[in-house]
């Protein structure tokens, strides 16, 4: 009679230990970084900071500007989790404060961004990724997206190129330098 409860208990213990395993919850990329970026058409300059809240969630703060009295300031949270040993599923929920260059207000409008994406290693030091989402303001929403390529030259530095589609500044080509901490 004691054999049956032990047989039933063993898979439960194994399943619980797998859920608590660091290898199951680990991610394939670091989300602790500071990034500097330059965008083209229109020309923008910006930066971003990200840091872990928990192993599979992180905070995000970023700002971009054409330096003509404008800005796009966004803060929020993101999630990350492994799909397999080479790729992560990611997502973000961001609140944007956008100021146009001719305005005297602190921010012309507030928007919400929700996106989901994928990051994958294609070679030991090369990463590709993309995301798709919605940028929502009080009047309308628009679909946004991005695709990126990043070369990790060292464990602390990576450089990359990205294409953003339909963001606050429209579609842009972006060059980035990311410093991991």
N, C-alpha and C. Protein backbone atom coordinates (compact mmCIF):
# COMPACT_ATOMS: atom_id res chain seq x y z
N UNK A 1 0.80 -1.20 0.00
CA UNK A 1 0.00 0.00 0.00
C UNK A 1 0.85 1.26 0.00
N UNK A 2 2.02 1.28 0.59
CA UNK A 2 2.88 2.45 0.61
C UNK A 2 3.56 2.70 -0.73
N UNK A 3 3.58 1.72 -1.60
CA UNK A 3 4.25 1.87 -2.89
C UNK A 3 3.51 2.88 -3.78
N UNK A 4 2.21 2.84 -3.81
CA UNK A 4 1.42 3.73 -4.67
C UNK A 4 1.59 5.21 -4.30
N UNK A 5 1.48 5.61 -3.01
CA UNK A 5 1.69 7.03 -2.70
C UNK A 5 3.10 7.49 -3.05
N UNK A 6 4.10 6.64 -2.87
CA UNK A 6 5.46 7.03 -3.22
C UNK A 6 5.59 7.19 -4.72
N UNK A 7 4.97 6.30 -5.51
CA UNK A 7 5.01 6.41 -6.96
C UNK A 7 4.30 7.69 -7.43
N UNK A 8 3.25 8.07 -6.76
CA UNK A 8 2.55 9.30 -7.13
C UNK A 8 3.29 10.54 -6.66
N UNK A 9 3.97 10.45 -5.54
CA UNK A 9 4.68 11.58 -4.98
C UNK A 9 5.96 11.90 -5.75
N UNK A 10 6.62 10.89 -6.27
CA UNK A 10 7.89 11.09 -6.99
C UNK A 10 7.75 12.01 -8.19
N UNK A 11 6.77 11.83 -9.09
CA UNK A 11 6.64 12.77 -10.21
C UNK A 11 6.31 14.19 -9.75
N UNK A 12 5.57 14.33 -8.67
CA UNK A 12 5.23 15.66 -8.15
C UNK A 12 6.48 16.36 -7.64
N UNK A 13 7.32 15.64 -6.93
CA UNK A 13 8.57 16.23 -6.42
C UNK A 13 9.49 16.59 -7.58
N UNK A 14 9.60 15.71 -8.57
CA UNK A 14 10.44 15.99 -9.73
C UNK A 14 9.93 17.22 -10.48
N UNK A 15 8.63 17.31 -10.70
CA UNK A 15 8.05 18.46 -11.38
C UNK A 15 8.27 19.76 -10.63
N UNK A 16 8.11 19.72 -9.31
CA UNK A 16 8.33 20.92 -8.49
C UNK A 16 9.79 21.34 -8.52
N UNK A 17 10.71 20.38 -8.51
CA UNK A 17 12.13 20.73 -8.55
C UNK A 17 12.51 21.31 -9.89
N UNK A 18 11.89 20.86 -10.99
CA UNK A 18 12.16 21.44 -12.31
C UNK A 18 11.67 22.87 -12.39
N UNK A 19 10.52 23.16 -11.78
CA UNK A 19 10.01 24.52 -11.80
C UNK A 19 10.87 25.47 -10.98
N UNK A 20 11.54 24.96 -9.97
CA UNK A 20 12.39 25.79 -9.13
C UNK A 20 13.83 25.82 -9.61
N UNK A 21 14.15 25.09 -10.63
CA UNK A 21 15.52 25.01 -11.12
C UNK A 21 15.95 26.33 -11.76
N UNK A 22 17.17 26.75 -11.48
CA UNK A 22 17.70 27.97 -12.09
C UNK A 22 17.85 27.82 -13.59
N UNK A 23 18.15 26.63 -14.08
CA UNK A 23 18.32 26.45 -15.52
C UNK A 23 17.01 26.61 -16.26
N UNK A 24 15.90 26.30 -15.63
CA UNK A 24 14.59 26.48 -16.28
C UNK A 24 14.22 27.95 -16.32
N UNK A 25 14.56 28.71 -15.29
CA UNK A 25 14.20 30.12 -15.22
C UNK A 25 15.27 31.04 -15.79
N UNK A 26 16.43 30.53 -16.13
CA UNK A 26 17.52 31.36 -16.62
C UNK A 26 17.21 31.90 -18.00
N UNK A 27 17.81 33.04 -18.34
CA UNK A 27 17.64 33.63 -19.64
C UNK A 27 18.94 33.49 -20.43
N UNK A 28 18.87 33.73 -21.73
CA UNK A 28 20.03 33.58 -22.60
C UNK A 28 20.76 34.90 -22.82
N UNK A 29 20.21 36.01 -22.36
CA UNK A 29 20.77 37.34 -22.57
C UNK A 29 20.75 38.11 -21.26
N UNK A 30 21.65 39.07 -21.14
CA UNK A 30 21.65 39.93 -19.96
C UNK A 30 20.71 41.11 -20.20
N UNK A 31 19.93 41.46 -19.19
CA UNK A 31 19.03 42.60 -19.27
C UNK A 31 19.48 43.72 -18.34
N UNK A 32 20.73 43.65 -17.85
CA UNK A 32 21.37 44.73 -17.10
C UNK A 32 22.27 45.48 -18.06
N UNK A 33 21.82 46.62 -18.56
CA UNK A 33 22.65 47.36 -19.52
C UNK A 33 22.32 48.84 -19.54
N UNK A 34 23.27 49.60 -20.08
CA UNK A 34 23.10 51.01 -20.42
C UNK A 34 23.42 51.11 -21.90
N UNK A 35 22.56 51.81 -22.65
CA UNK A 35 22.72 51.87 -24.09
C UNK A 35 22.70 53.32 -24.56
N UNK A 36 23.57 53.63 -25.52
CA UNK A 36 23.57 54.92 -26.21
C UNK A 36 23.22 54.64 -27.66
N UNK A 37 22.43 55.54 -28.28
CA UNK A 37 22.01 55.27 -29.65
C UNK A 37 21.86 56.56 -30.45
N UNK A 38 22.01 56.39 -31.77
CA UNK A 38 21.83 57.47 -32.73
C UNK A 38 20.88 56.96 -33.79
N UNK A 39 19.85 57.75 -34.08
CA UNK A 39 18.87 57.37 -35.09
C UNK A 39 18.99 58.26 -36.31
N UNK A 40 18.59 57.72 -37.45
CA UNK A 40 18.62 58.49 -38.68
C UNK A 40 17.25 58.56 -39.32
N UNK A 41 16.98 59.70 -39.93
CA UNK A 41 15.78 59.96 -40.74
C UNK A 41 14.49 59.82 -39.95
N UNK A 42 14.20 60.65 -38.98
CA UNK A 42 14.91 61.85 -38.56
C UNK A 42 16.07 61.53 -37.62
N UNK A 43 17.01 62.46 -37.55
CA UNK A 43 18.18 62.28 -36.68
C UNK A 43 17.77 62.45 -35.23
N UNK A 44 18.02 61.42 -34.44
CA UNK A 44 17.73 61.47 -33.01
C UNK A 44 18.93 60.93 -32.24
N UNK A 45 18.98 61.31 -30.99
CA UNK A 45 19.97 60.79 -30.05
C UNK A 45 19.20 60.28 -28.85
N UNK A 46 19.69 59.20 -28.25
CA UNK A 46 18.97 58.68 -27.11
C UNK A 46 19.78 57.71 -26.29
N UNK A 47 19.14 57.25 -25.25
CA UNK A 47 19.76 56.29 -24.36
C UNK A 47 18.70 55.46 -23.67
N UNK A 48 19.14 54.36 -23.13
CA UNK A 48 18.25 53.44 -22.43
C UNK A 48 19.01 52.77 -21.31
N UNK A 49 18.29 52.48 -20.23
CA UNK A 49 18.85 51.73 -19.11
C UNK A 49 17.87 50.63 -18.75
N UNK A 50 18.39 49.46 -18.45
CA UNK A 50 17.57 48.34 -18.05
C UNK A 50 18.27 47.61 -16.91
N UNK A 51 17.50 47.10 -15.98
CA UNK A 51 18.06 46.37 -14.86
C UNK A 51 17.07 45.37 -14.31
N UNK A 52 17.58 44.30 -13.75
CA UNK A 52 16.73 43.23 -13.24
C UNK A 52 15.89 43.68 -12.04
N UNK A 53 14.63 43.26 -12.04
CA UNK A 53 13.77 43.32 -10.87
C UNK A 53 13.80 41.94 -10.23
N UNK A 54 13.52 40.92 -11.03
CA UNK A 54 13.69 39.52 -10.66
C UNK A 54 14.45 38.87 -11.82
N UNK A 55 14.66 37.58 -11.73
CA UNK A 55 15.42 36.90 -12.76
C UNK A 55 14.75 36.97 -14.14
N UNK A 56 13.44 37.05 -14.18
CA UNK A 56 12.73 37.07 -15.45
C UNK A 56 11.92 38.34 -15.67
N UNK A 57 12.24 39.42 -14.95
CA UNK A 57 11.61 40.72 -15.18
C UNK A 57 12.64 41.81 -14.96
N UNK A 58 12.44 42.93 -15.64
CA UNK A 58 13.39 44.03 -15.56
C UNK A 58 12.66 45.35 -15.74
N UNK A 59 13.27 46.43 -15.23
CA UNK A 59 12.73 47.77 -15.43
C UNK A 59 13.42 48.39 -16.64
N UNK A 60 12.77 49.35 -17.25
CA UNK A 60 13.29 50.01 -18.44
C UNK A 60 13.05 51.51 -18.30
N UNK A 61 14.05 52.31 -18.64
CA UNK A 61 13.92 53.76 -18.74
C UNK A 61 14.68 54.18 -19.99
N UNK A 62 14.02 54.95 -20.86
CA UNK A 62 14.69 55.38 -22.09
C UNK A 62 14.21 56.76 -22.51
N UNK A 63 15.08 57.44 -23.25
CA UNK A 63 14.77 58.77 -23.73
C UNK A 63 15.40 58.96 -25.10
N UNK A 64 14.64 59.57 -26.01
CA UNK A 64 15.14 59.93 -27.33
C UNK A 64 14.72 61.36 -27.62
N UNK A 65 15.54 62.06 -28.43
CA UNK A 65 15.25 63.45 -28.76
C UNK A 65 15.94 63.84 -30.05
N UNK A 66 15.35 64.80 -30.75
CA UNK A 66 16.00 65.43 -31.90
C UNK A 66 16.80 66.65 -31.45
N UNK A 67 16.81 66.95 -30.16
CA UNK A 67 17.45 68.11 -29.54
C UNK A 67 16.93 69.42 -30.13
N UNK A 68 15.63 69.49 -30.35
CA UNK A 68 15.01 70.74 -30.80
C UNK A 68 13.81 71.05 -29.89
N UNK A 69 14.00 70.83 -28.59
CA UNK A 69 12.94 71.08 -27.63
C UNK A 69 11.91 69.96 -27.55
N UNK A 70 12.25 68.79 -28.00
CA UNK A 70 11.33 67.65 -28.03
C UNK A 70 11.91 66.50 -27.21
N UNK A 71 11.06 65.51 -26.93
CA UNK A 71 11.55 64.28 -26.33
C UNK A 71 10.49 63.19 -26.42
N UNK A 72 10.98 61.98 -26.26
CA UNK A 72 10.15 60.80 -26.04
C UNK A 72 10.76 60.10 -24.84
N UNK A 73 10.14 60.23 -23.70
CA UNK A 73 10.61 59.64 -22.45
C UNK A 73 9.70 58.47 -22.13
N UNK A 74 10.27 57.30 -21.88
CA UNK A 74 9.46 56.10 -21.58
C UNK A 74 10.05 55.36 -20.39
N UNK A 75 9.17 54.89 -19.52
CA UNK A 75 9.55 54.05 -18.38
C UNK A 75 8.56 52.90 -18.28
N UNK A 76 9.03 51.80 -17.74
CA UNK A 76 8.13 50.67 -17.59
C UNK A 76 8.86 49.41 -17.16
N UNK A 77 8.22 48.29 -17.43
CA UNK A 77 8.75 46.99 -17.03
C UNK A 77 8.73 46.05 -18.22
N UNK A 78 9.62 45.08 -18.16
CA UNK A 78 9.69 44.07 -19.21
C UNK A 78 9.79 42.69 -18.60
N UNK A 79 9.51 41.69 -19.41
CA UNK A 79 9.70 40.31 -18.98
C UNK A 79 10.60 39.63 -19.99
N UNK A 80 11.24 38.59 -19.56
CA UNK A 80 12.11 37.80 -20.42
C UNK A 80 12.12 36.36 -19.93
N UNK A 81 12.17 35.45 -20.87
CA UNK A 81 12.19 34.05 -20.52
C UNK A 81 12.73 33.23 -21.67
N UNK A 82 13.40 32.15 -21.37
CA UNK A 82 13.99 31.34 -22.44
C UNK A 82 12.95 30.53 -23.20
N UNK A 83 13.11 30.49 -24.51
CA UNK A 83 12.32 29.57 -25.35
C UNK A 83 13.07 28.27 -25.52
N UNK A 84 14.38 28.39 -25.71
CA UNK A 84 15.28 27.24 -25.77
C UNK A 84 16.66 27.75 -25.36
N UNK A 85 17.70 26.99 -25.60
CA UNK A 85 19.03 27.41 -25.13
C UNK A 85 19.63 28.55 -25.94
N UNK A 86 19.00 28.94 -27.06
CA UNK A 86 19.55 29.99 -27.91
C UNK A 86 18.66 31.21 -28.05
N UNK A 87 17.46 31.21 -27.49
CA UNK A 87 16.56 32.34 -27.72
C UNK A 87 15.73 32.66 -26.48
N UNK A 88 15.35 33.93 -26.39
CA UNK A 88 14.50 34.44 -25.31
C UNK A 88 13.25 35.06 -25.90
N UNK A 89 12.14 34.89 -25.23
CA UNK A 89 10.91 35.61 -25.50
C UNK A 89 10.92 36.83 -24.59
N UNK A 90 10.60 38.00 -25.13
CA UNK A 90 10.64 39.23 -24.35
C UNK A 90 9.33 39.99 -24.53
N UNK A 91 9.10 40.92 -23.65
CA UNK A 91 7.95 41.81 -23.77
C UNK A 91 8.13 43.02 -22.88
N UNK A 92 7.41 44.09 -23.21
CA UNK A 92 7.53 45.32 -22.44
C UNK A 92 6.17 46.00 -22.33
N UNK A 93 5.97 46.67 -21.22
CA UNK A 93 4.86 47.58 -21.01
C UNK A 93 5.47 48.91 -20.59
N UNK A 94 5.34 49.92 -21.46
CA UNK A 94 5.99 51.21 -21.23
C UNK A 94 4.97 52.34 -21.25
N UNK A 95 5.22 53.35 -20.43
CA UNK A 95 4.45 54.58 -20.45
C UNK A 95 5.34 55.67 -21.05
N UNK A 96 4.87 56.30 -22.13
CA UNK A 96 5.62 57.34 -22.84
C UNK A 96 5.08 58.71 -22.48
N UNK A 97 5.97 59.67 -22.34
CA UNK A 97 5.64 61.08 -22.28
C UNK A 97 6.33 61.71 -23.47
N UNK A 98 5.54 62.26 -24.40
CA UNK A 98 6.08 62.78 -25.65
C UNK A 98 5.83 64.29 -25.71
N UNK A 99 6.89 65.03 -26.00
CA UNK A 99 6.81 66.48 -26.16
C UNK A 99 7.28 66.82 -27.56
N UNK A 100 6.48 67.62 -28.29
CA UNK A 100 6.90 68.06 -29.62
C UNK A 100 7.71 69.35 -29.50
N UNK A 101 8.45 69.67 -30.54
CA UNK A 101 9.41 70.78 -30.47
C UNK A 101 8.75 72.14 -30.33
N UNK A 102 7.55 72.34 -30.81
CA UNK A 102 6.93 73.66 -30.74
C UNK A 102 6.06 73.88 -29.52
N UNK A 103 6.06 72.98 -28.58
CA UNK A 103 5.15 73.05 -27.44
C UNK A 103 5.81 73.67 -26.22
N UNK A 104 4.98 74.36 -25.41
CA UNK A 104 5.45 74.91 -24.14
C UNK A 104 5.09 74.00 -22.97
N UNK A 105 4.37 72.93 -23.23
CA UNK A 105 3.94 72.02 -22.18
C UNK A 105 5.09 71.12 -21.74
N UNK A 106 4.92 70.50 -20.57
CA UNK A 106 5.91 69.52 -20.10
C UNK A 106 5.91 68.31 -21.01
N UNK A 107 4.76 67.89 -21.45
CA UNK A 107 4.62 66.79 -22.39
C UNK A 107 3.30 66.93 -23.11
N UNK A 108 3.31 66.83 -24.42
CA UNK A 108 2.09 67.01 -25.20
C UNK A 108 1.11 65.86 -25.01
N UNK A 109 1.63 64.66 -24.98
CA UNK A 109 0.74 63.52 -24.84
C UNK A 109 1.43 62.38 -24.11
N UNK A 110 0.59 61.56 -23.50
CA UNK A 110 1.06 60.36 -22.84
C UNK A 110 0.54 59.17 -23.63
N UNK A 111 1.40 58.19 -23.83
CA UNK A 111 1.04 57.00 -24.59
C UNK A 111 1.44 55.76 -23.81
N UNK A 112 0.83 54.65 -24.17
CA UNK A 112 1.18 53.36 -23.61
C UNK A 112 1.70 52.49 -24.74
N UNK A 113 2.76 51.75 -24.46
CA UNK A 113 3.31 50.81 -25.44
C UNK A 113 3.30 49.42 -24.84
N UNK A 114 2.84 48.48 -25.62
CA UNK A 114 2.86 47.07 -25.25
C UNK A 114 3.46 46.32 -26.43
N UNK A 115 4.53 45.56 -26.18
CA UNK A 115 5.15 44.81 -27.27
C UNK A 115 5.63 43.45 -26.79
N UNK A 116 5.84 42.57 -27.75
CA UNK A 116 6.38 41.24 -27.50
C UNK A 116 7.43 40.98 -28.57
N UNK A 117 8.50 40.28 -28.20
CA UNK A 117 9.58 40.08 -29.16
C UNK A 117 10.36 38.80 -28.91
N UNK A 118 11.39 38.65 -29.70
CA UNK A 118 12.25 37.47 -29.67
C UNK A 118 13.68 37.92 -29.87
N UNK A 119 14.60 37.34 -29.09
CA UNK A 119 16.04 37.54 -29.26
C UNK A 119 16.66 36.16 -29.43
N UNK A 120 17.58 36.02 -30.38
CA UNK A 120 18.18 34.71 -30.64
C UNK A 120 19.64 34.86 -31.03
N UNK A 121 20.45 33.90 -30.59
CA UNK A 121 21.85 33.82 -31.00
C UNK A 121 21.89 33.11 -32.35
N UNK A 122 22.58 33.72 -33.34
CA UNK A 122 22.78 33.03 -34.61
C UNK A 122 24.20 32.49 -34.71
N UNK A 123 25.13 33.09 -33.98
CA UNK A 123 26.51 32.64 -33.81
C UNK A 123 26.89 32.97 -32.37
N UNK A 124 28.01 32.46 -31.87
CA UNK A 124 28.35 32.70 -30.46
C UNK A 124 28.39 34.17 -30.04
N UNK A 125 28.71 35.11 -30.94
CA UNK A 125 28.75 36.52 -30.57
C UNK A 125 27.75 37.38 -31.34
N UNK A 126 26.88 36.76 -32.12
CA UNK A 126 25.94 37.52 -32.94
C UNK A 126 24.49 37.20 -32.56
N UNK A 127 23.73 38.26 -32.39
CA UNK A 127 22.35 38.16 -31.95
C UNK A 127 21.44 38.85 -32.98
N UNK A 128 20.28 38.28 -33.21
CA UNK A 128 19.24 38.94 -34.01
C UNK A 128 17.96 38.94 -33.19
N UNK A 129 17.08 39.85 -33.52
CA UNK A 129 15.82 39.89 -32.78
C UNK A 129 14.83 40.81 -33.44
N UNK A 130 13.66 40.81 -32.88
CA UNK A 130 12.60 41.67 -33.38
C UNK A 130 11.48 41.74 -32.38
N UNK A 131 10.61 42.71 -32.59
CA UNK A 131 9.43 42.86 -31.73
C UNK A 131 8.29 43.46 -32.52
N UNK A 132 7.10 43.24 -32.02
CA UNK A 132 5.90 43.84 -32.60
C UNK A 132 5.00 44.23 -31.44
N UNK A 133 4.29 45.35 -31.62
CA UNK A 133 3.44 45.81 -30.53
C UNK A 133 2.49 46.90 -30.95
N UNK A 134 1.93 47.57 -29.96
CA UNK A 134 0.99 48.66 -30.16
C UNK A 134 1.45 49.87 -29.37
N UNK A 135 1.36 51.04 -29.99
CA UNK A 135 1.60 52.32 -29.33
C UNK A 135 0.23 52.99 -29.25
N UNK A 136 -0.28 53.16 -28.04
CA UNK A 136 -1.67 53.57 -27.84
C UNK A 136 -1.70 54.95 -27.18
N UNK A 137 -2.41 55.90 -27.83
CA UNK A 137 -2.68 57.17 -27.18
C UNK A 137 -4.19 57.30 -26.99
N UNK A 138 -4.65 58.43 -26.53
CA UNK A 138 -6.07 58.56 -26.21
C UNK A 138 -6.97 58.53 -27.45
N UNK A 139 -6.46 58.89 -28.62
CA UNK A 139 -7.28 58.94 -29.83
C UNK A 139 -7.20 57.69 -30.68
N UNK A 140 -6.02 57.11 -30.79
CA UNK A 140 -5.83 55.99 -31.71
C UNK A 140 -4.64 55.14 -31.25
N UNK A 141 -4.47 54.02 -31.92
CA UNK A 141 -3.30 53.19 -31.68
C UNK A 141 -2.68 52.84 -33.01
N UNK A 142 -1.41 52.57 -32.97
CA UNK A 142 -0.72 52.17 -34.19
C UNK A 142 0.19 50.99 -33.91
N UNK A 143 0.34 50.14 -34.91
CA UNK A 143 1.22 48.99 -34.78
C UNK A 143 2.65 49.45 -34.98
N UNK A 144 3.52 49.02 -34.07
CA UNK A 144 4.94 49.35 -34.15
C UNK A 144 5.74 48.06 -34.21
N UNK A 145 6.96 48.16 -34.66
CA UNK A 145 7.81 46.99 -34.71
C UNK A 145 9.28 47.37 -34.80
N UNK A 146 10.12 46.39 -34.65
CA UNK A 146 11.56 46.62 -34.79
C UNK A 146 12.24 45.31 -35.15
N UNK A 147 13.39 45.43 -35.76
CA UNK A 147 14.28 44.30 -36.05
C UNK A 147 15.69 44.77 -35.74
N UNK A 148 16.50 43.90 -35.13
CA UNK A 148 17.86 44.32 -34.79
C UNK A 148 18.88 43.21 -35.02
N UNK A 149 20.11 43.65 -35.16
CA UNK A 149 21.29 42.79 -35.23
C UNK A 149 22.28 43.36 -34.23
N UNK A 150 22.90 42.52 -33.41
CA UNK A 150 23.86 43.00 -32.42
C UNK A 150 25.07 42.08 -32.39
N UNK A 151 26.26 42.70 -32.37
CA UNK A 151 27.52 41.97 -32.26
C UNK A 151 28.07 42.20 -30.86
N UNK A 152 28.29 41.12 -30.12
CA UNK A 152 28.83 41.19 -28.75
C UNK A 152 30.34 41.01 -28.83
N UNK A 153 31.07 42.13 -28.85
CA UNK A 153 32.51 42.05 -28.99
C UNK A 153 33.20 41.54 -27.73
N UNK A 154 32.67 41.88 -26.56
CA UNK A 154 33.17 41.37 -25.27
C UNK A 154 31.95 41.05 -24.40
N UNK A 155 32.20 40.58 -23.19
CA UNK A 155 31.10 40.31 -22.26
C UNK A 155 30.44 41.59 -21.76
N UNK A 156 31.12 42.74 -21.88
CA UNK A 156 30.58 44.00 -21.39
C UNK A 156 30.14 44.96 -22.48
N UNK A 157 30.46 44.71 -23.76
CA UNK A 157 30.15 45.66 -24.83
C UNK A 157 29.57 44.96 -26.03
N UNK A 158 28.51 45.56 -26.57
CA UNK A 158 27.96 45.09 -27.84
C UNK A 158 27.56 46.31 -28.66
N UNK A 159 27.65 46.17 -29.97
CA UNK A 159 27.24 47.22 -30.90
C UNK A 159 26.19 46.63 -31.82
N UNK A 160 25.28 47.48 -32.29
CA UNK A 160 24.22 46.93 -33.11
C UNK A 160 23.60 47.94 -34.04
N UNK A 161 22.74 47.41 -34.88
CA UNK A 161 21.94 48.22 -35.80
C UNK A 161 20.51 47.72 -35.69
N UNK A 162 19.57 48.65 -35.79
CA UNK A 162 18.16 48.30 -35.67
C UNK A 162 17.35 49.11 -36.67
N UNK A 163 16.22 48.57 -37.02
CA UNK A 163 15.24 49.27 -37.83
C UNK A 163 13.96 49.33 -37.02
N UNK A 164 13.49 50.55 -36.77
CA UNK A 164 12.23 50.73 -36.04
C UNK A 164 11.15 51.15 -37.04
N UNK A 165 9.96 50.60 -36.86
CA UNK A 165 8.85 50.88 -37.77
C UNK A 165 7.72 51.57 -37.01
N UNK A 166 7.32 52.75 -37.46
CA UNK A 166 6.13 53.47 -36.98
C UNK A 166 6.18 53.83 -35.50
N UNK A 167 7.34 54.20 -34.98
CA UNK A 167 7.45 54.63 -33.60
C UNK A 167 7.06 56.09 -33.45
N UNK A 168 7.40 56.69 -32.33
CA UNK A 168 7.08 58.09 -32.07
C UNK A 168 7.72 58.98 -33.14
N UNK A 169 8.94 58.67 -33.55
CA UNK A 169 9.64 59.45 -34.57
C UNK A 169 9.48 58.85 -35.98
N UNK A 170 8.55 57.95 -36.17
CA UNK A 170 8.36 57.32 -37.47
C UNK A 170 9.31 56.14 -37.62
N UNK A 171 9.54 55.74 -38.86
CA UNK A 171 10.47 54.64 -39.13
C UNK A 171 11.89 55.19 -39.15
N UNK A 172 12.81 54.48 -38.50
CA UNK A 172 14.19 54.94 -38.35
C UNK A 172 15.17 53.78 -38.42
N UNK A 173 16.39 54.10 -38.85
CA UNK A 173 17.53 53.21 -38.70
C UNK A 173 18.29 53.69 -37.48
N UNK A 174 18.66 52.79 -36.58
CA UNK A 174 19.29 53.14 -35.31
C UNK A 174 20.63 52.40 -35.18
N UNK A 175 21.67 53.09 -34.73
CA UNK A 175 22.96 52.48 -34.38
C UNK A 175 23.09 52.55 -32.86
N UNK A 176 23.51 51.43 -32.24
CA UNK A 176 23.55 51.36 -30.78
C UNK A 176 24.91 50.88 -30.27
N UNK A 177 25.23 51.31 -29.07
CA UNK A 177 26.35 50.76 -28.30
C UNK A 177 25.78 50.44 -26.92
N UNK A 178 25.94 49.19 -26.51
CA UNK A 178 25.34 48.71 -25.27
C UNK A 178 26.45 48.27 -24.32
N UNK A 179 26.40 48.78 -23.08
CA UNK A 179 27.37 48.45 -22.04
C UNK A 179 26.66 47.64 -20.98
N UNK A 180 27.09 46.39 -20.78
CA UNK A 180 26.47 45.51 -19.81
C UNK A 180 27.12 45.70 -18.44
N UNK A 181 26.33 45.64 -17.40
CA UNK A 181 26.87 45.72 -16.04
C UNK A 181 26.36 44.59 -15.21
